PDB file of N, CA and C in Angstrom:
ATOM      1  N   UNK A   1      92.385 116.515  69.889  1.00  0.00           N
ATOM      2  CA  UNK A   1      93.367 116.807  68.888  1.00  0.00           C
ATOM      3  C   UNK A   1      92.990 118.041  68.075  1.00  0.00           C
ATOM      4  N   UNK A   2      91.691 118.258  67.915  1.00  0.00           N
ATOM      5  CA  UNK A   2      91.258 119.419  67.151  1.00  0.00           C
ATOM      6  C   UNK A   2      91.657 120.707  67.853  1.00  0.00           C
ATOM      7  N   UNK A   3      91.806 120.646  69.173  1.00  0.00           N
ATOM      8  CA  UNK A   3      92.176 121.853  69.917  1.00  0.00           C
ATOM      9  C   UNK A   3      93.579 122.307  69.545  1.00  0.00           C
ATOM     10  N   UNK A   4      94.487 121.362  69.356  1.00  0.00           N
ATOM     11  CA  UNK A   4      95.847 121.718  68.951  1.00  0.00           C
ATOM     12  C   UNK A   4      95.841 122.334  67.559  1.00  0.00           C
ATOM     13  N   UNK A   5      95.087 121.741  66.644  1.00  0.00           N
ATOM     14  CA  UNK A   5      94.985 122.284  65.288  1.00  0.00           C
ATOM     15  C   UNK A   5      94.366 123.674  65.275  1.00  0.00           C
ATOM     16  N   UNK A   6      93.318 123.863  66.063  1.00  0.00           N
ATOM     17  CA  UNK A   6      92.667 125.169  66.123  1.00  0.00           C
ATOM     18  C   UNK A   6      93.585 126.209  66.749  1.00  0.00           C
ATOM     19  N   UNK A   7      94.324 125.808  67.788  1.00  0.00           N
ATOM     20  CA  UNK A   7      95.264 126.736  68.415  1.00  0.00           C
ATOM     21  C   UNK A   7      96.338 127.164  67.423  1.00  0.00           C
ATOM     22  N   UNK A   8      96.901 126.201  66.693  1.00  0.00           N
ATOM     23  CA  UNK A   8      97.944 126.535  65.713  1.00  0.00           C
ATOM     24  C   UNK A   8      97.383 127.384  64.579  1.00  0.00           C
ATOM     25  N   UNK A   9      96.158 127.120  64.151  1.00  0.00           N
ATOM     26  CA  UNK A   9      95.534 127.936  63.111  1.00  0.00           C
ATOM     27  C   UNK A   9      95.319 129.369  63.599  1.00  0.00           C
ATOM     28  N   UNK A  10      94.849 129.523  64.819  1.00  0.00           N
ATOM     29  CA  UNK A  10      94.666 130.862  65.383  1.00  0.00           C
ATOM     30  C   UNK A  10      95.982 131.594  65.529  1.00  0.00           C
ATOM     31  N   UNK A  11      97.003 130.881  65.964  1.00  0.00           N
ATOM     32  CA  UNK A  11      98.333 131.477  66.094  1.00  0.00           C
ATOM     33  C   UNK A  11      98.859 131.911  64.733  1.00  0.00           C
ATOM     34  N   UNK A  12      98.642 131.092  63.710  1.00  0.00           N
ATOM     35  CA  UNK A  12      99.064 131.446  62.354  1.00  0.00           C
ATOM     36  C   UNK A  12      98.352 132.703  61.871  1.00  0.00           C
ATOM     37  N   UNK A  13      97.043 132.782  62.117  1.00  0.00           N
ATOM     38  CA  UNK A  13      96.282 133.955  61.675  1.00  0.00           C
ATOM     39  C   UNK A  13      96.754 135.230  62.371  1.00  0.00           C
ATOM     40  N   UNK A  14      97.161 135.117  63.615  1.00  0.00           N
ATOM     41  CA  UNK A  14      97.663 136.287  64.335  1.00  0.00           C
ATOM     42  C   UNK A  14      99.037 136.692  63.824  1.00  0.00           C
ATOM     43  N   UNK A  15      99.947 135.732  63.731  1.00  0.00           N
ATOM     44  CA  UNK A  15     101.325 136.036  63.329  1.00  0.00           C
ATOM     45  C   UNK A  15     101.378 136.545  61.894  1.00  0.00           C
ATOM     46  N   UNK A  16     100.475 136.028  61.050  1.00  0.00           N
ATOM     47  CA  UNK A  16     100.431 136.438  59.648  1.00  0.00           C
ATOM     48  C   UNK A  16     100.161 137.935  59.487  1.00  0.00           C
ATOM     49  N   UNK A  17      99.442 138.514  60.404  1.00  0.00           N
ATOM     50  CA  UNK A  17      99.164 139.947  60.347  1.00  0.00           C
ATOM     51  C   UNK A  17     100.066 140.746  61.289  1.00  0.00           C
ATOM     52  N   UNK A  18     100.538 140.123  62.361  1.00  0.00           N
ATOM     53  CA  UNK A  18     101.333 140.836  63.356  1.00  0.00           C
ATOM     54  C   UNK A  18     102.712 141.227  62.824  1.00  0.00           C
ATOM     55  N   UNK A  19     103.380 140.333  62.118  1.00  0.00           N
ATOM     56  CA  UNK A  19     104.730 140.636  61.625  1.00  0.00           C
ATOM     57  C   UNK A  19     104.724 141.818  60.657  1.00  0.00           C
ATOM     58  N   UNK A  20     103.846 141.844  59.631  1.00  0.00           N
ATOM     59  CA  UNK A  20     103.826 143.030  58.767  1.00  0.00           C
ATOM     60  C   UNK A  20     103.412 144.310  59.510  1.00  0.00           C
ATOM     61  N   UNK A  21     102.541 144.169  60.516  1.00  0.00           N
ATOM     62  CA  UNK A  21     102.128 145.340  61.289  1.00  0.00           C
ATOM     63  C   UNK A  21     103.300 145.916  62.070  1.00  0.00           C
ATOM     64  N   UNK A  22     104.078 145.052  62.717  1.00  0.00           N
ATOM     65  CA  UNK A  22     105.248 145.528  63.465  1.00  0.00           C
ATOM     66  C   UNK A  22     106.292 146.127  62.530  1.00  0.00           C
ATOM     67  N   UNK A  23     106.488 145.526  61.363  1.00  0.00           N
ATOM     68  CA  UNK A  23     107.420 146.086  60.389  1.00  0.00           C
ATOM     69  C   UNK A  23     106.946 147.447  59.907  1.00  0.00           C
ATOM     70  N   UNK A  24     105.656 147.590  59.686  1.00  0.00           N
ATOM     71  CA  UNK A  24     105.112 148.861  59.222  1.00  0.00           C
ATOM     72  C   UNK A  24     105.269 149.949  60.280  1.00  0.00           C
ATOM     73  N   UNK A  25     105.000 149.608  61.531  1.00  0.00           N
ATOM     74  CA  UNK A  25     105.149 150.592  62.611  1.00  0.00           C
ATOM     75  C   UNK A  25     106.601 151.015  62.777  1.00  0.00           C
ATOM     76  N   UNK A  26     107.541 150.091  62.585  1.00  0.00           N
ATOM     77  CA  UNK A  26     108.955 150.410  62.761  1.00  0.00           C
ATOM     78  C   UNK A  26     109.512 151.205  61.583  1.00  0.00           C
ATOM     79  N   UNK A  27     109.112 150.850  60.362  1.00  0.00           N
ATOM     80  CA  UNK A  27     109.712 151.481  59.190  1.00  0.00           C
ATOM     81  C   UNK A  27     108.913 152.668  58.660  1.00  0.00           C
ATOM     82  N   UNK A  28     107.635 152.727  58.955  1.00  0.00           N
ATOM     83  CA  UNK A  28     106.803 153.805  58.422  1.00  0.00           C
ATOM     84  C   UNK A  28     106.302 153.517  57.024  1.00  0.00           C
ATOM     85  N   UNK A  29     106.412 152.269  56.580  1.00  0.00           N
ATOM     86  CA  UNK A  29     105.952 151.866  55.247  1.00  0.00           C
ATOM     87  C   UNK A  29     105.100 150.616  55.396  1.00  0.00           C
ATOM     88  N   UNK A  30     103.896 150.664  54.842  1.00  0.00           N
ATOM     89  CA  UNK A  30     103.008 149.507  54.858  1.00  0.00           C
ATOM     90  C   UNK A  30     102.615 149.212  53.413  1.00  0.00           C
ATOM     91  N   UNK A  31     102.382 147.941  53.127  1.00  0.00           N
ATOM     92  CA  UNK A  31     101.980 147.517  51.791  1.00  0.00           C
ATOM     93  C   UNK A  31     100.531 147.076  51.838  1.00  0.00           C
ATOM     94  N   UNK A  32      99.782 147.425  50.795  1.00  0.00           N
ATOM     95  CA  UNK A  32      98.395 147.002  50.718  1.00  0.00           C
ATOM     96  C   UNK A  32      98.356 145.510  50.431  1.00  0.00           C
ATOM     97  N   UNK A  33      97.218 144.891  50.753  1.00  0.00           N
ATOM     98  CA  UNK A  33      97.035 143.478  50.463  1.00  0.00           C
ATOM     99  C   UNK A  33      96.478 143.341  49.046  1.00  0.00           C
ATOM    100  N   UNK A  34      96.583 142.174  48.512  1.00  0.00           N
ATOM    101  CA  UNK A  34      95.982 141.911  47.213  1.00  0.00           C
ATOM    102  C   UNK A  34      97.007 141.680  46.128  1.00  0.00           C
ATOM    103  N   UNK A  35      96.507 141.567  44.908  1.00  0.00           N
ATOM    104  CA  UNK A  35      97.353 141.231  43.777  1.00  0.00           C
ATOM    105  C   UNK A  35      98.317 142.362  43.430  1.00  0.00           C
ATOM    106  N   UNK A  36      97.813 143.564  43.335  1.00  0.00           N
ATOM    107  CA  UNK A  36      98.655 144.723  42.994  1.00  0.00           C
ATOM    108  C   UNK A  36      99.003 145.471  44.287  1.00  0.00           C
ATOM    109  N   UNK A  37     100.064 145.028  44.947  1.00  0.00           N
ATOM    110  CA  UNK A  37     100.458 145.642  46.218  1.00  0.00           C
ATOM    111  C   UNK A  37     100.993 147.046  45.971  1.00  0.00           C
ATOM    112  N   UNK A  38     100.510 147.978  46.778  1.00  0.00           N
ATOM    113  CA  UNK A  38     101.006 149.347  46.700  1.00  0.00           C
ATOM    114  C   UNK A  38     101.700 149.696  47.993  1.00  0.00           C
ATOM    115  N   UNK A  39     102.722 150.505  47.873  1.00  0.00           N
ATOM    116  CA  UNK A  39     103.505 150.958  49.029  1.00  0.00           C
ATOM    117  C   UNK A  39     102.878 152.252  49.551  1.00  0.00           C
ATOM    118  N   UNK A  40     102.579 152.287  50.848  1.00  0.00           N
ATOM    119  CA  UNK A  40     101.996 153.478  51.471  1.00  0.00           C
ATOM    120  C   UNK A  40     102.964 153.941  52.558  1.00  0.00           C
ATOM    121  N   UNK A  41     103.454 155.176  52.396  1.00  0.00           N
ATOM    122  CA  UNK A  41     104.423 155.747  53.329  1.00  0.00           C
ATOM    123  C   UNK A  41     103.675 156.613  54.337  1.00  0.00           C
ATOM    124  N   UNK A  42     104.037 156.484  55.604  1.00  0.00           N
ATOM    125  CA  UNK A  42     103.368 157.216  56.688  1.00  0.00           C
ATOM    126  C   UNK A  42     103.454 158.731  56.492  1.00  0.00           C
ATOM    127  N   UNK A  43     104.607 159.224  56.048  1.00  0.00           N
ATOM    128  CA  UNK A  43     104.816 160.662  55.899  1.00  0.00           C
ATOM    129  C   UNK A  43     103.950 161.231  54.775  1.00  0.00           C
ATOM    130  N   UNK A  44     103.791 160.480  53.685  1.00  0.00           N
ATOM    131  CA  UNK A  44     103.030 160.970  52.536  1.00  0.00           C
ATOM    132  C   UNK A  44     101.521 160.840  52.718  1.00  0.00           C
ATOM    133  N   UNK A  45     101.067 159.733  53.277  1.00  0.00           N
ATOM    134  CA  UNK A  45      99.628 159.476  53.447  1.00  0.00           C
ATOM    135  C   UNK A  45      99.346 158.963  54.859  1.00  0.00           C
ATOM    136  N   UNK A  46      99.354 159.860  55.851  1.00  0.00           N
ATOM    137  CA  UNK A  46      99.202 159.388  57.244  1.00  0.00           C
ATOM    138  C   UNK A  46      97.840 158.748  57.538  1.00  0.00           C
ATOM    139  N   UNK A  47      96.762 159.269  56.944  1.00  0.00           N
ATOM    140  CA  UNK A  47      95.439 158.704  57.223  1.00  0.00           C
ATOM    141  C   UNK A  47      95.315 157.304  56.645  1.00  0.00           C
ATOM    142  N   UNK A  48      95.798 157.137  55.417  1.00  0.00           N
ATOM    143  CA  UNK A  48      95.713 155.826  54.780  1.00  0.00           C
ATOM    144  C   UNK A  48      96.623 154.819  55.482  1.00  0.00           C
ATOM    145  N   UNK A  49      97.796 155.268  55.901  1.00  0.00           N
ATOM    146  CA  UNK A  49      98.709 154.404  56.635  1.00  0.00           C
ATOM    147  C   UNK A  49      98.047 153.908  57.919  1.00  0.00           C
ATOM    148  N   UNK A  50      97.437 154.824  58.663  1.00  0.00           N
ATOM    149  CA  UNK A  50      96.761 154.433  59.907  1.00  0.00           C
ATOM    150  C   UNK A  50      95.594 153.482  59.643  1.00  0.00           C
ATOM    151  N   UNK A  51      94.852 153.734  58.560  1.00  0.00           N
ATOM    152  CA  UNK A  51      93.724 152.867  58.230  1.00  0.00           C
ATOM    153  C   UNK A  51      94.200 151.462  57.870  1.00  0.00           C
ATOM    154  N   UNK A  52      95.282 151.353  57.123  1.00  0.00           N
ATOM    155  CA  UNK A  52      95.801 150.038  56.765  1.00  0.00           C
ATOM    156  C   UNK A  52      96.346 149.300  57.988  1.00  0.00           C
ATOM    157  N   UNK A  53      97.004 150.025  58.882  1.00  0.00           N
ATOM    158  CA  UNK A  53      97.504 149.397  60.116  1.00  0.00           C
ATOM    159  C   UNK A  53      96.340 148.955  61.000  1.00  0.00           C
ATOM    160  N   UNK A  54      95.291 149.768  61.057  1.00  0.00           N
ATOM    161  CA  UNK A  54      94.100 149.386  61.820  1.00  0.00           C
ATOM    162  C   UNK A  54      93.460 148.133  61.230  1.00  0.00           C
ATOM    163  N   UNK A  55      93.434 148.060  59.900  1.00  0.00           N
ATOM    164  CA  UNK A  55      92.874 146.889  59.237  1.00  0.00           C
ATOM    165  C   UNK A  55      93.665 145.631  59.538  1.00  0.00           C
ATOM    166  N   UNK A  56      94.989 145.751  59.573  1.00  0.00           N
ATOM    167  CA  UNK A  56      95.827 144.588  59.916  1.00  0.00           C
ATOM    168  C   UNK A  56      95.586 144.172  61.360  1.00  0.00           C
ATOM    169  N   UNK A  57      95.417 145.150  62.247  1.00  0.00           N
ATOM    170  CA  UNK A  57      95.153 144.833  63.653  1.00  0.00           C
ATOM    171  C   UNK A  57      93.807 144.126  63.795  1.00  0.00           C
ATOM    172  N   UNK A  58      92.792 144.605  63.089  1.00  0.00           N
ATOM    173  CA  UNK A  58      91.473 143.972  63.166  1.00  0.00           C
ATOM    174  C   UNK A  58      91.493 142.566  62.579  1.00  0.00           C
ATOM    175  N   UNK A  59      92.349 142.342  61.579  1.00  0.00           N
ATOM    176  CA  UNK A  59      92.426 141.022  60.951  1.00  0.00           C
ATOM    177  C   UNK A  59      92.966 139.968  61.910  1.00  0.00           C
ATOM    178  N   UNK A  60      93.668 140.389  62.953  1.00  0.00           N
ATOM    179  CA  UNK A  60      94.159 139.443  63.953  1.00  0.00           C
ATOM    180  C   UNK A  60      93.045 138.964  64.880  1.00  0.00           C
ATOM    181  N   UNK A  61      91.894 139.594  64.825  1.00  0.00           N
ATOM    182  CA  UNK A  61      90.796 139.269  65.728  1.00  0.00           C
ATOM    183  C   UNK A  61      90.274 137.856  65.590  1.00  0.00           C
ATOM    184  N   UNK A  62      90.196 137.339  64.365  1.00  0.00           N
ATOM    185  CA  UNK A  62      89.700 135.981  64.171  1.00  0.00           C
ATOM    186  C   UNK A  62      90.625 134.969  64.827  1.00  0.00           C
ATOM    187  N   UNK A  63      91.920 135.157  64.669  1.00  0.00           N
ATOM    188  CA  UNK A  63      92.874 134.254  65.314  1.00  0.00           C
ATOM    189  C   UNK A  63      92.760 134.302  66.830  1.00  0.00           C
ATOM    190  N   UNK A  64      92.596 135.507  67.363  1.00  0.00           N
ATOM    191  CA  UNK A  64      92.444 135.650  68.812  1.00  0.00           C
ATOM    192  C   UNK A  64      91.148 134.997  69.294  1.00  0.00           C
ATOM    193  N   UNK A  65      90.095 135.118  68.513  1.00  0.00           N
ATOM    194  CA  UNK A  65      88.822 134.489  68.867  1.00  0.00           C
ATOM    195  C   UNK A  65      88.947 132.969  68.874  1.00  0.00           C
ATOM    196  N   UNK A  66      89.631 132.415  67.881  1.00  0.00           N
ATOM    197  CA  UNK A  66      89.822 130.968  67.819  1.00  0.00           C
ATOM    198  C   UNK A  66      90.607 130.481  69.037  1.00  0.00           C
ATOM    199  N   UNK A  67      91.678 131.190  69.376  1.00  0.00           N
ATOM    200  CA  UNK A  67      92.484 130.799  70.538  1.00  0.00           C
ATOM    201  C   UNK A  67      91.664 130.920  71.826  1.00  0.00           C
ATOM    202  N   UNK A  68      90.832 131.955  71.933  1.00  0.00           N
ATOM    203  CA  UNK A  68      89.995 132.115  73.127  1.00  0.00           C
ATOM    204  C   UNK A  68      89.000 130.961  73.259  1.00  0.00           C
ATOM    205  N   UNK A  69      88.414 130.524  72.140  1.00  0.00           N
ATOM    206  CA  UNK A  69      87.472 129.400  72.176  1.00  0.00           C
ATOM    207  C   UNK A  69      88.194 128.119  72.597  1.00  0.00           C
ATOM    208  N   UNK A  70      89.402 127.915  72.072  1.00  0.00           N
ATOM    209  CA  UNK A  70      90.169 126.721  72.445  1.00  0.00           C
ATOM    210  C   UNK A  70      90.475 126.728  73.940  1.00  0.00           C
ATOM    211  N   UNK A  71      90.917 127.870  74.465  1.00  0.00           N
ATOM    212  CA  UNK A  71      91.217 127.931  75.893  1.00  0.00           C
ATOM    213  C   UNK A  71      89.961 127.771  76.746  1.00  0.00           C
ATOM    214  N   UNK A  72      88.848 128.335  76.302  1.00  0.00           N
ATOM    215  CA  UNK A  72      87.601 128.166  77.054  1.00  0.00           C
ATOM    216  C   UNK A  72      87.186 126.702  77.074  1.00  0.00           C
ATOM    217  N   UNK A  73      87.284 126.026  75.930  1.00  0.00           N
ATOM    218  CA  UNK A  73      86.955 124.605  75.863  1.00  0.00           C
ATOM    219  C   UNK A  73      87.878 123.802  76.776  1.00  0.00           C
ATOM    220  N   UNK A  74      89.155 124.153  76.778  1.00  0.00           N
ATOM    221  CA  UNK A  74      90.121 123.455  77.620  1.00  0.00           C
ATOM    222  C   UNK A  74      89.803 123.647  79.102  1.00  0.00           C
ATOM    223  N   UNK A  75      89.487 124.860  79.494  1.00  0.00           N
ATOM    224  CA  UNK A  75      89.169 125.140  80.900  1.00  0.00           C
ATOM    225  C   UNK A  75      87.912 124.393  81.325  1.00  0.00           C
ATOM    226  N   UNK A  76      86.895 124.403  80.460  1.00  0.00           N
ATOM    227  CA  UNK A  76      85.656 123.694  80.791  1.00  0.00           C
ATOM    228  C   UNK A  76      85.918 122.204  80.934  1.00  0.00           C
ATOM    229  N   UNK A  77      86.703 121.638  80.023  1.00  0.00           N
ATOM    230  CA  UNK A  77      87.008 120.212  80.106  1.00  0.00           C
ATOM    231  C   UNK A  77      87.814 119.876  81.353  1.00  0.00           C
ATOM    232  N   UNK A  78      88.757 120.701  81.717  1.00  0.00           N
ATOM    233  CA  UNK A  78      89.548 120.449  82.926  1.00  0.00           C
ATOM    234  C   UNK A  78      88.657 120.518  84.155  1.00  0.00           C
ATOM    235  N   UNK A  79      87.790 121.522  84.203  1.00  0.00           N
ATOM    236  CA  UNK A  79      86.890 121.640  85.352  1.00  0.00           C
ATOM    237  C   UNK A  79      85.933 120.448  85.436  1.00  0.00           C
ATOM    238  N   UNK A  80      85.390 120.012  84.286  1.00  0.00           N
ATOM    239  CA  UNK A  80      84.483 118.865  84.298  1.00  0.00           C
ATOM    240  C   UNK A  80      85.215 117.568  84.601  1.00  0.00           C
ATOM    241  N   UNK A  81      86.463 117.466  84.167  1.00  0.00           N
ATOM    242  CA  UNK A  81      87.247 116.269  84.480  1.00  0.00           C
ATOM    243  C   UNK A  81      87.497 116.188  85.978  1.00  0.00           C
ATOM    244  N   UNK A  82      87.813 117.322  86.569  1.00  0.00           N
ATOM    245  CA  UNK A  82      88.007 117.332  88.020  1.00  0.00           C
ATOM    246  C   UNK A  82      86.714 117.022  88.761  1.00  0.00           C
ATOM    247  N   UNK A  83      85.589 117.382  88.155  1.00  0.00           N
ATOM    248  CA  UNK A  83      84.293 117.093  88.766  1.00  0.00           C
ATOM    249  C   UNK A  83      83.834 115.660  88.470  1.00  0.00           C
ATOM    250  N   UNK A  84      84.448 115.029  87.446  1.00  0.00           N
ATOM    251  CA  UNK A  84      84.127 113.633  87.174  1.00  0.00           C
ATOM    252  C   UNK A  84      83.355 113.371  85.889  1.00  0.00           C
ATOM    253  N   UNK A  85      82.999 114.397  85.136  1.00  0.00           N
ATOM    254  CA  UNK A  85      82.252 114.193  83.902  1.00  0.00           C
ATOM    255  C   UNK A  85      82.821 115.091  82.818  1.00  0.00           C
ATOM    256  N   UNK A  86      83.533 114.552  81.858  1.00  0.00           N
ATOM    257  CA  UNK A  86      84.158 115.342  80.787  1.00  0.00           C
ATOM    258  C   UNK A  86      83.291 115.364  79.543  1.00  0.00           C
ATOM    259  N   UNK A  87      83.393 116.444  78.758  1.00  0.00           N
ATOM    260  CA  UNK A  87      82.716 116.534  77.479  1.00  0.00           C
ATOM    261  C   UNK A  87      83.471 115.708  76.448  1.00  0.00           C
ATOM    262  N   UNK A  88      82.795 115.186  75.453  1.00  0.00           N
ATOM    263  CA  UNK A  88      83.509 114.428  74.408  1.00  0.00           C
ATOM    264  C   UNK A  88      84.373 115.369  73.577  1.00  0.00           C
ATOM    265  N   UNK A  89      85.532 114.881  73.121  1.00  0.00           N
ATOM    266  CA  UNK A  89      86.482 115.711  72.373  1.00  0.00           C
ATOM    267  C   UNK A  89      86.050 115.925  70.938  1.00  0.00           C
ATOM    268  N   UNK A  90      85.150 115.098  70.402  1.00  0.00           N
ATOM    269  CA  UNK A  90      84.736 115.247  69.004  1.00  0.00           C
ATOM    270  C   UNK A  90      83.294 115.605  68.875  1.00  0.00           C
TER     271      UNK A  90
END
């Protein structure tokens, strides 16, 4: 059951950064994170815009890592089940 929770958590972490990243790439405007959000326009500050988009892309890495671990655990369990000895789920 923890695998489903971990998968959904990883998916949430990815989507949470992916949607603003896609909006920023389409519109040319990205907002900084934090309490005092600032608007950064691609035309006015191209280096900062690229850095913020890169940061959002890197932030998706934890979610991708969690999903990769879940799939690896699933594959190992399926292979061991087919072999006759499964790992405990907890």
